[in-house]
Amino acid sequence: MSSDAFTPGIVPGRMADEVYAERFSDLHPRLDDHEALVAADRCYFCHDAPCVTACPTDIDIPLFIRQIATGTPDAAAKTILSQNIMGGMCARVCPTEQLCEEACVREMAEGKPVLIGQLQRYATDHLQEQGIHPFSRAAVTGKSVAVVGAGPAGLSCAHRLAMLGHDVVVYDAAPKAGGLNEYGIATYKTVDGYAQSEVDWLLKIGGITIEYDKPLGDDMTLQSLRDAHDAVFLAIGLGGVNALEAEGADKDGVLDAVDFIADLRQAEDFAQVPVGRDVVVIGGGMTAVDAAVQAKLLGALNVTLVYRRGRDRMNTSVFEQDLAASKGVRIVTHAVPRAVIGNGAVREIEFDYVDAAMQPTGQTLRLAADQVFRAIGQTLVGDGLPELDGRKIKVTGAGRTSMEGVWAGGDCAAGGDDLTVTAVAEGRDAAMDIHEALTGAA
C-alpha cells in the first residue's frame, strides 16, 4: 500500500520521487560569474571593516571581495582559506546573517548587506573544483600529534599542523570524517556530498592520516595517546543527548533529532527515510530547526516545533526561524513537555505553558504525534578527560587543558558558541599554540 501525507504512523515514501529531489535541492544555489561580480561591486571595501571583526576566523573580507571583483576568484579563495580552511562549508552553513552580514555597512544603511557568504562560496568552490590546494607543507619537524575527532575543529587543527610540518594522526569514532558537517547538518544545506569532497580536498596538504571507527575509550585512552604522540588535540564534540524529562518519554517513536538528521544525511534515497504524519520537535536550536524542516520536506503532514522560552531566546537566527515557518513548520513557544501519551508508541504529547520565569500558567497544550524528536541539547561523553568547566572541557588561551600536552577545541571545549566557524577558528589557533609548544617557534 502506498503512503502519502495523510497515512498515519512512521512510514517512508510519502511523496513522488521527483518531489524529494526538488525539496532537497541546494538552499542557496551558487552565484554564477555575473552574479558574483554584481554582488562584489556592492562592497565599500571599508577600512577597519566591521564584517572582519564579526567573523570568528578573522577573514579579510574586503580583500577577498575585491579579488573577486577584479576577476581573481582563486586568489580570493586563498585569502579565505588561509584563515578558515573550511571556508567552503562555512559559506554554506555559517549564520552570516548574525555575523559578518549583520555587521555590514550596507545592512546598516540599506537593510541589504553584501552577500558575503555566497561570495565566499563562489570563490572557494571555484578553487576546490579545480583540485587545487593552495598550501604546501613546511619541512618535516619529526613531531607527531594526535587529533581526536574529525569534525571542523579537528580537521582545522590537523591541516594547520600538517602545513607547519608535523605528522598528524586523526582518530574518529565514525566511519567517515567530517563530524557534524557530515552527520549533523540539514541535507539541503550541503548537497552532492560536499562534506566529503571538502575533506578529500583538505587532505591534499599531506601529512595527515585518518583512522576511522576509533572512539576514545577502553581500547584507546587519552593516556595511551599521550604516550604515543608529542601532543594531543581533543575535538570529540558532544556525543550524548539530554534526556526528555516527561512522563512516558520512553515510548516508541520518541527519538533523538541528531540521529534522524544523521540517517537522512547518509540516505542514498530520501524516499526510503520514514517520517511520521504528525511530528513534534522539542528544542530551540539549529538541530531542532533542521529536524523540523526536514521532517516537513519528507512529507509529514503536521510538524510542530515546541520551545520552552520565547522566540528571542531560541539559539537560532530569525532567518532560520522564518525558513522553518515558510516550509510549514508551526512554532510554539513558552511550553515544556509534560507527558508522552500512547499505548506503547507515542500518539499524543502534552505540554504545560509557562511564563517568562518558567512557571506553569495552568494552561496546557496537547498535540497529536506519532513521532517526537528530542533536540534539547547534547552532553560531553568520556572518561579520564581533562578538568571540566561545567559540562565541557576547561581550556585557557588557545585551547590548553589541565593536562600537560593536551589541547581541546570545538563543541567539547568550554567558552565557544557551538558554531562550525568557531570550531574551525579554535582548531586553527590550538594548532599554532601546539606548534609553538613543540618547536619554540613564536
Protein backbone atom coordinates (compact mmCIF):
# COMPACT_ATOMS: atom_id res chain seq x y z
CA MET A 1 0.00 0.00 0.00
CA SER A 2 1.44 3.37 -1.00
CA SER A 3 1.87 6.18 1.52
CA ASP A 4 1.05 9.86 1.37
CA ALA A 5 0.93 12.80 3.77
CA PHE A 6 -2.28 11.51 5.37
CA THR A 7 -1.02 7.97 6.09
CA PRO A 8 -0.81 7.50 9.87
CA GLY A 9 2.33 6.25 11.57
CA ILE A 10 6.01 6.49 10.70
CA VAL A 11 6.36 5.46 7.07
CA PRO A 12 8.62 6.11 4.05
CA GLY A 13 7.60 7.26 0.59
CA ARG A 14 5.07 9.96 1.38
CA MET A 15 5.77 11.81 -1.88
CA ALA A 16 6.63 11.18 -5.51
CA ASP A 17 10.34 10.67 -6.23
CA GLU A 18 10.70 13.90 -8.18
CA VAL A 19 9.31 15.88 -5.25
CA TYR A 20 12.11 14.68 -2.97
CA ALA A 21 14.74 15.87 -5.45
CA GLU A 22 13.14 19.29 -5.66
CA ARG A 23 12.65 19.70 -1.91
CA PHE A 24 16.19 18.67 -1.01
CA SER A 25 17.92 20.78 -3.65
CA ASP A 26 20.53 23.40 -2.73
CA LEU A 27 19.13 26.02 -0.33
CA HIS A 28 21.32 28.75 -1.84
CA PRO A 29 22.49 27.81 -5.36
CA ARG A 30 25.97 29.13 -6.14
CA LEU A 31 26.29 32.53 -7.77
CA ASP A 32 27.30 32.50 -11.42
CA ASP A 33 30.19 34.68 -12.64
CA HIS A 34 27.99 37.67 -13.47
CA GLU A 35 26.04 37.48 -10.21
CA ALA A 36 29.29 37.30 -8.26
CA LEU A 37 30.68 40.39 -9.94
CA VAL A 38 27.46 42.33 -9.31
CA ALA A 39 27.41 41.25 -5.66
CA ALA A 40 31.09 42.10 -5.18
CA ASP A 41 30.55 45.55 -6.69
CA ARG A 42 28.29 46.45 -3.77
CA CYS A 43 31.14 46.20 -1.25
CA TYR A 44 32.53 49.51 0.05
CA PHE A 45 35.90 47.83 0.88
CA CYS A 46 35.79 49.51 4.28
CA HIS A 47 38.92 50.36 6.23
CA ASP A 48 38.71 48.61 9.63
CA ALA A 49 35.72 46.76 8.19
CA PRO A 50 33.18 45.72 10.85
CA CYS A 51 32.49 42.49 8.94
CA VAL A 52 36.04 41.30 9.64
CA THR A 53 35.64 41.93 13.36
CA ALA A 54 32.37 39.96 13.29
CA CYS A 55 33.98 36.94 11.62
CA PRO A 56 35.20 34.35 14.17
CA THR A 57 38.03 33.35 11.81
CA ASP A 58 39.09 36.96 11.02
CA ILE A 59 38.90 36.55 7.24
CA ASP A 60 39.93 39.70 5.36
CA ILE A 61 36.51 40.05 3.77
CA PRO A 62 37.06 43.34 1.86
CA LEU A 63 40.24 41.88 0.32
CA PHE A 64 38.67 38.66 -0.93
CA ILE A 65 35.65 40.52 -2.31
CA ARG A 66 37.97 42.95 -4.13
CA GLN A 67 39.82 39.95 -5.58
CA ILE A 68 36.52 38.57 -6.89
CA ALA A 69 35.63 41.98 -8.30
CA THR A 70 38.93 42.09 -10.18
CA GLY A 71 38.42 38.63 -11.69
CA THR A 72 40.77 36.61 -9.48
CA PRO A 73 38.49 34.24 -7.52
CA ASP A 74 41.29 31.75 -6.85
CA ALA A 75 43.28 34.47 -5.08
CA ALA A 76 40.12 35.30 -3.15
CA ALA A 77 39.81 31.66 -2.13
CA LYS A 78 43.38 31.60 -0.83
CA THR A 79 42.66 34.72 1.23
CA ILE A 80 39.66 32.97 2.77
CA LEU A 81 41.29 29.58 3.27
CA SER A 82 44.42 31.00 4.87
CA GLN A 83 42.22 31.92 7.83
CA ASN A 84 39.47 29.32 7.51
CA ILE A 85 40.49 26.09 5.80
CA MET A 86 36.84 25.01 5.81
CA GLY A 87 35.63 28.24 4.27
CA GLY A 88 33.59 26.34 1.70
CA MET A 89 31.46 24.60 4.31
CA CYS A 90 31.21 27.71 6.46
CA ALA A 91 29.95 29.64 3.44
CA ARG A 92 27.06 27.16 3.31
CA VAL A 93 26.19 26.78 7.00
CA CYS A 94 27.57 29.79 8.86
CA PRO A 95 24.86 32.15 10.21
CA THR A 96 26.24 35.05 8.22
CA GLU A 97 23.01 36.95 8.83
CA GLN A 98 24.04 37.13 12.51
CA LEU A 99 27.78 37.67 11.98
CA CYS A 100 29.55 39.36 9.07
CA GLU A 101 26.44 40.35 7.10
CA GLU A 102 24.71 41.79 10.15
CA ALA A 103 27.78 43.99 10.68
CA CYS A 104 27.96 45.03 7.01
CA VAL A 105 27.72 48.79 6.44
CA ARG A 106 25.25 48.13 3.61
CA GLU A 107 23.00 46.27 6.07
CA MET A 108 23.02 49.19 8.47
CA ALA A 109 22.43 51.76 5.73
CA GLU A 110 20.03 49.91 3.43
CA GLY A 111 18.87 46.78 5.20
CA LYS A 112 20.51 44.69 2.46
CA PRO A 113 24.06 43.51 3.18
CA VAL A 114 26.71 42.43 0.71
CA LEU A 115 26.23 38.71 0.06
CA ILE A 116 29.41 37.79 1.92
CA GLY A 117 28.55 34.14 2.50
CA GLN A 118 27.56 33.49 -1.10
CA LEU A 119 30.65 35.30 -2.40
CA GLN A 120 32.80 33.17 -0.11
CA ARG A 121 31.21 30.03 -1.53
CA TYR A 122 31.73 31.28 -5.08
CA ALA A 123 35.45 31.74 -4.51
CA THR A 124 36.16 28.54 -2.56
CA ASP A 125 34.12 26.36 -4.92
CA HIS A 126 35.94 27.85 -7.92
CA LEU A 127 39.29 26.79 -6.46
CA GLN A 128 38.35 23.43 -4.98
CA GLU A 129 36.57 22.17 -8.08
CA GLN A 130 39.85 22.50 -9.96
CA GLY A 131 41.50 20.21 -7.41
CA ILE A 132 43.92 22.98 -6.48
CA HIS A 133 45.33 23.03 -2.95
CA PRO A 134 46.98 26.44 -2.46
CA PHE A 135 49.14 25.48 0.53
CA SER A 136 52.19 23.25 0.93
CA ARG A 137 53.88 21.63 3.91
CA ALA A 138 56.86 23.10 5.66
CA ALA A 139 59.91 20.93 6.32
CA VAL A 140 59.02 17.88 8.37
CA THR A 141 59.61 18.51 12.07
CA GLY A 142 59.64 14.89 13.25
CA LYS A 143 56.88 15.68 15.75
CA SER A 144 53.65 13.67 15.90
CA VAL A 145 50.26 14.99 17.03
CA ALA A 146 47.11 13.02 17.73
CA VAL A 147 43.82 14.71 16.86
CA VAL A 148 40.76 13.02 18.35
CA GLY A 149 37.72 13.82 16.24
CA ALA A 150 37.48 14.54 12.52
CA GLY A 151 34.95 17.34 12.75
CA PRO A 152 35.55 21.03 11.92
CA ALA A 153 37.83 21.72 14.91
CA GLY A 154 39.84 18.52 14.46
CA LEU A 155 40.32 18.86 10.72
CA SER A 156 41.19 22.55 11.01
CA CYS A 157 43.81 21.75 13.65
CA ALA A 158 45.16 18.81 11.65
CA HIS A 159 45.53 20.85 8.47
CA ARG A 160 47.39 23.70 10.14
CA LEU A 161 49.70 21.30 11.99
CA ALA A 162 50.44 19.40 8.78
CA MET A 163 51.12 22.66 6.96
CA LEU A 164 53.63 23.53 9.69
CA GLY A 165 55.47 20.24 9.09
CA HIS A 166 54.10 17.97 11.81
CA ASP A 167 52.77 14.46 11.23
CA VAL A 168 49.14 14.16 12.29
CA VAL A 169 47.03 11.11 13.05
CA VAL A 170 43.30 11.83 13.30
CA TYR A 171 41.22 9.30 15.23
CA ASP A 172 37.47 9.35 14.69
CA ALA A 173 34.67 7.21 16.12
CA ALA A 174 32.65 7.33 12.90
CA PRO A 175 33.24 5.53 9.59
CA LYS A 176 33.52 8.88 7.76
CA ALA A 177 35.31 12.12 8.51
CA GLY A 178 33.55 15.45 8.83
CA GLY A 179 31.84 15.29 12.21
CA LEU A 180 28.74 17.44 12.26
CA ASN A 181 29.50 18.60 8.72
CA GLU A 182 28.90 15.02 7.57
CA TYR A 183 26.32 13.83 10.07
CA GLY A 184 24.64 16.82 11.70
CA ILE A 185 23.70 19.49 9.16
CA ALA A 186 20.50 19.72 7.16
CA THR A 187 20.88 17.89 3.85
CA TYR A 188 19.61 20.80 1.75
CA LYS A 189 22.45 22.99 3.05
CA THR A 190 25.26 20.73 1.80
CA VAL A 191 24.15 18.83 -1.27
CA ASP A 192 26.04 16.50 -3.62
CA GLY A 193 28.32 15.03 -0.95
CA TYR A 194 30.10 18.33 -0.38
CA ALA A 195 31.22 17.46 3.16
CA GLN A 196 33.29 14.51 1.94
CA SER A 197 34.67 16.33 -1.09
CA GLU A 198 35.88 19.12 1.19
CA VAL A 199 37.61 16.57 3.44
CA ASP A 200 39.29 14.96 0.43
CA TRP A 201 40.46 18.38 -0.75
CA LEU A 202 41.75 19.33 2.72
CA LEU A 203 43.83 16.14 2.95
CA LYS A 204 45.77 17.13 -0.17
CA ILE A 205 48.11 19.04 2.15
CA GLY A 206 49.68 15.67 3.06
CA GLY A 207 50.99 14.53 6.41
CA ILE A 208 47.55 13.60 7.77
CA THR A 209 46.37 10.04 8.40
CA ILE A 210 42.79 9.34 9.48
CA GLU A 211 41.90 6.21 11.43
CA TYR A 212 38.16 5.52 11.44
CA ASP A 213 35.98 3.65 13.96
CA LYS A 214 38.39 4.66 16.73
CA PRO A 215 36.44 6.14 19.63
CA LEU A 216 38.17 7.41 22.73
CA GLY A 217 37.51 4.76 25.37
CA ASP A 218 38.71 1.42 26.66
CA ASP A 219 40.80 0.44 23.63
CA MET A 220 42.23 3.91 23.01
CA THR A 221 42.67 6.07 26.07
CA LEU A 222 43.85 9.62 26.39
CA GLN A 223 46.89 8.38 28.29
CA SER A 224 47.83 5.95 25.52
CA LEU A 225 47.62 8.79 23.00
CA ARG A 226 49.80 11.00 25.19
CA ASP A 227 52.37 8.20 25.36
CA ALA A 228 52.36 7.66 21.58
CA HIS A 229 52.39 11.28 20.40
CA ASP A 230 54.08 14.56 21.23
CA ALA A 231 50.74 16.36 21.69
CA VAL A 232 47.04 15.62 21.65
CA PHE A 233 44.16 17.79 20.46
CA LEU A 234 40.68 16.79 21.65
CA ALA A 235 37.85 17.64 19.26
CA ILE A 236 35.43 14.96 20.37
CA GLY A 237 32.27 17.03 20.18
CA LEU A 238 29.25 16.23 22.32
CA GLY A 239 28.28 12.60 21.92
CA GLY A 240 25.41 12.39 24.41
CA VAL A 241 21.86 13.74 24.17
CA ASN A 242 19.96 15.22 27.11
CA ALA A 243 17.07 13.11 28.31
CA LEU A 244 13.46 14.21 27.87
CA GLU A 245 12.13 14.60 31.39
CA ALA A 246 8.45 13.87 30.86
CA GLU A 247 6.20 11.01 31.84
CA GLY A 248 6.18 8.33 29.13
CA ALA A 249 9.29 9.66 27.38
CA ASP A 250 10.50 6.10 26.75
CA LYS A 251 7.66 5.27 24.34
CA ASP A 252 8.33 4.11 20.78
CA GLY A 253 8.52 6.98 18.34
CA VAL A 254 10.41 9.30 20.72
CA LEU A 255 13.79 9.71 19.05
CA ASP A 256 16.92 11.86 19.09
CA ALA A 257 16.86 14.57 16.44
CA VAL A 258 20.61 14.15 15.83
CA ASP A 259 20.07 10.52 14.82
CA PHE A 260 17.24 11.49 12.45
CA ILE A 261 19.43 14.11 10.77
CA ALA A 262 22.36 11.68 10.53
CA ASP A 263 20.18 8.95 8.98
CA LEU A 264 18.87 11.41 6.41
CA ARG A 265 22.37 12.67 5.64
CA GLN A 266 23.57 9.13 4.92
CA ALA A 267 20.48 8.02 2.98
CA GLU A 268 21.01 7.15 -0.68
CA ASP A 269 17.27 7.51 -1.33
CA PHE A 270 15.33 10.10 0.66
CA ALA A 271 12.09 8.32 -0.17
CA GLN A 272 13.22 5.39 1.99
CA VAL A 273 13.60 7.54 5.12
CA PRO A 274 10.45 7.07 7.26
CA VAL A 275 8.74 10.06 8.84
CA GLY A 276 5.60 10.49 10.91
CA ARG A 277 2.37 12.06 9.81
CA ASP A 278 2.27 14.24 12.95
CA VAL A 279 5.77 15.22 14.06
CA VAL A 280 6.72 17.21 17.15
CA VAL A 281 10.25 18.55 17.67
CA ILE A 282 11.24 19.70 21.15
CA GLY A 283 14.01 22.31 21.26
CA GLY A 284 15.03 25.73 20.04
CA GLY A 285 18.44 25.37 18.42
CA MET A 286 19.73 24.56 14.95
CA THR A 287 19.30 20.83 15.44
CA ALA A 288 15.63 21.36 16.28
CA VAL A 289 15.03 23.60 13.27
CA ASP A 290 16.92 21.31 10.88
CA ALA A 291 14.95 18.28 12.10
CA ALA A 292 11.62 20.09 11.87
CA VAL A 293 12.23 21.46 8.37
CA GLN A 294 13.46 18.13 7.05
CA ALA A 295 10.51 16.26 8.54
CA LYS A 296 8.25 18.61 6.61
CA LEU A 297 10.31 18.20 3.44
CA LEU A 298 9.98 14.41 3.78
CA GLY A 299 6.21 14.79 3.58
CA ALA A 300 4.99 14.95 7.18
CA LEU A 301 1.51 16.46 7.29
CA ASN A 302 1.91 18.39 10.53
CA VAL A 303 5.23 19.46 12.07
CA THR A 304 5.34 21.49 15.27
CA LEU A 305 8.49 22.82 16.91
CA VAL A 306 7.98 23.47 20.63
CA TYR A 307 10.39 25.58 22.67
CA ARG A 308 10.29 26.36 26.38
CA ARG A 309 11.16 30.05 26.06
CA GLY A 310 10.31 32.89 23.65
CA ARG A 311 11.49 33.15 20.06
CA ASP A 312 14.04 35.78 21.07
CA ARG A 313 15.74 33.16 23.24
CA MET A 314 15.96 30.50 20.55
CA ASN A 315 19.54 29.57 19.71
CA THR A 316 18.94 30.04 16.02
CA SER A 317 18.67 33.05 13.76
CA VAL A 318 15.49 34.81 12.68
CA PHE A 319 16.35 33.67 9.15
CA GLU A 320 16.26 30.01 10.22
CA GLN A 321 13.03 30.52 12.15
CA ASP A 322 11.44 32.18 9.12
CA LEU A 323 12.74 29.38 6.88
CA ALA A 324 11.04 26.82 9.10
CA ALA A 325 7.79 28.77 9.04
CA SER A 326 7.98 29.13 5.26
CA LYS A 327 8.21 25.34 4.93
CA GLY A 328 5.06 24.88 7.00
CA VAL A 329 6.56 24.27 10.45
CA ARG A 330 4.42 25.59 13.29
CA ILE A 331 6.49 27.14 16.09
CA VAL A 332 5.07 27.07 19.64
CA THR A 333 6.92 28.88 22.41
CA HIS A 334 6.74 29.01 26.21
CA ALA A 335 5.78 25.35 26.52
CA VAL A 336 7.52 22.45 28.27
CA PRO A 337 6.74 18.74 27.78
CA ARG A 338 4.57 17.24 30.49
CA ALA A 339 3.67 13.74 29.30
CA VAL A 340 4.04 11.48 26.27
CA ILE A 341 0.76 9.66 25.76
CA GLY A 342 0.16 6.37 23.96
CA ASN A 343 -0.10 2.62 24.37
CA GLY A 344 3.49 1.52 23.76
CA ALA A 345 4.04 4.06 20.99
CA VAL A 346 3.52 7.81 21.14
CA ARG A 347 0.12 9.08 19.99
CA GLU A 348 -0.01 12.46 21.67
CA ILE A 349 2.24 14.72 23.70
CA GLU A 350 1.06 17.19 26.32
CA PHE A 351 2.78 20.44 27.26
CA ASP A 352 2.47 22.93 30.09
CA TYR A 353 2.52 26.56 29.07
CA VAL A 354 5.00 28.55 31.17
CA ASP A 355 5.66 32.23 31.73
CA ALA A 356 8.94 34.11 31.32
CA ALA A 357 10.06 32.81 34.73
CA MET A 358 9.43 29.23 33.56
CA GLN A 359 6.50 28.85 35.95
CA PRO A 360 3.41 26.93 34.75
CA THR A 361 0.46 29.14 33.83
CA GLY A 362 -2.10 26.42 34.41
CA GLN A 363 -2.81 26.10 30.68
CA THR A 364 -1.84 23.03 28.69
CA LEU A 365 -1.42 22.05 25.05
CA ARG A 366 -1.95 18.57 23.65
CA LEU A 367 -0.62 17.70 20.18
CA ALA A 368 -1.18 14.61 18.06
CA ALA A 369 2.17 12.94 17.48
CA ASP A 370 3.35 9.66 16.04
CA GLN A 371 6.98 10.85 16.03
CA VAL A 372 8.71 13.08 18.60
CA PHE A 373 12.27 14.33 18.19
CA ARG A 374 14.38 15.38 21.16
CA ALA A 375 16.61 18.36 20.35
CA ILE A 376 17.17 19.65 23.86
CA GLY A 377 20.94 19.79 23.93
CA GLN A 378 23.90 17.45 23.84
CA THR A 379 26.39 16.45 26.50
CA LEU A 380 30.06 15.56 26.74
CA VAL A 381 30.76 11.84 26.93
CA GLY A 382 34.05 10.32 28.06
CA ASP A 383 36.17 9.17 30.98
CA GLY A 384 39.63 10.27 32.01
CA LEU A 385 39.24 13.68 30.37
CA PRO A 386 40.98 16.87 31.50
CA GLU A 387 39.37 19.12 34.12
CA LEU A 388 35.88 20.29 33.22
CA ASP A 389 34.32 23.74 33.36
CA GLY A 390 30.69 22.97 33.96
CA ARG A 391 29.81 20.29 31.41
CA LYS A 392 32.66 20.89 28.97
CA ILE A 393 36.45 20.67 29.00
CA LYS A 394 38.08 23.65 30.68
CA VAL A 395 40.51 25.49 28.40
CA THR A 396 42.75 28.50 28.72
CA GLY A 397 44.41 30.51 25.99
CA ALA A 398 44.36 28.71 22.65
CA GLY A 399 42.78 25.52 23.94
CA ARG A 400 45.21 24.41 26.64
CA THR A 401 43.67 21.97 29.12
CA SER A 402 44.62 20.95 32.65
CA MET A 403 46.72 18.06 31.24
CA GLU A 404 50.23 18.70 30.01
CA GLY A 405 50.45 18.27 26.24
CA VAL A 406 46.67 18.12 25.72
CA TRP A 407 44.61 20.80 23.97
CA ALA A 408 40.88 20.90 23.21
CA GLY A 409 38.53 22.82 20.94
CA GLY A 410 35.18 22.78 19.23
CA ASP A 411 31.91 21.83 20.90
CA CYS A 412 33.62 19.76 23.64
CA ALA A 413 35.52 22.79 24.97
CA ALA A 414 34.08 25.45 27.25
CA GLY A 415 33.64 29.01 26.12
CA GLY A 416 32.66 28.58 22.46
CA ASP A 417 29.31 29.20 20.80
CA ASP A 418 28.89 25.81 19.07
CA LEU A 419 29.25 27.16 15.53
CA THR A 420 31.20 25.44 12.75
CA VAL A 421 33.13 28.63 12.06
CA THR A 422 34.09 28.98 15.74
CA ALA A 423 35.24 25.37 15.87
CA VAL A 424 37.44 25.97 12.83
CA ALA A 425 38.98 29.03 14.50
CA GLU A 426 39.63 27.13 17.72
CA GLY A 427 41.28 24.25 15.87
CA ARG A 428 43.49 26.63 13.91
CA ASP A 429 44.54 28.63 16.98
CA ALA A 430 45.23 25.49 19.01
CA ALA A 431 47.44 24.21 16.19
CA MET A 432 49.52 27.36 16.30
CA ASP A 433 49.88 27.03 20.07
CA ILE A 434 50.81 23.34 19.77
CA HIS A 435 53.40 24.24 17.14
CA GLU A 436 54.94 26.85 19.42
CA ALA A 437 54.98 24.41 22.33
CA LEU A 438 56.66 21.68 20.27
CA THR A 439 59.21 23.82 18.46
CA GLY A 440 59.60 27.00 20.47
CA ALA A 441 58.68 28.99 17.36
CA ALA A 442 56.57 32.06 18.02
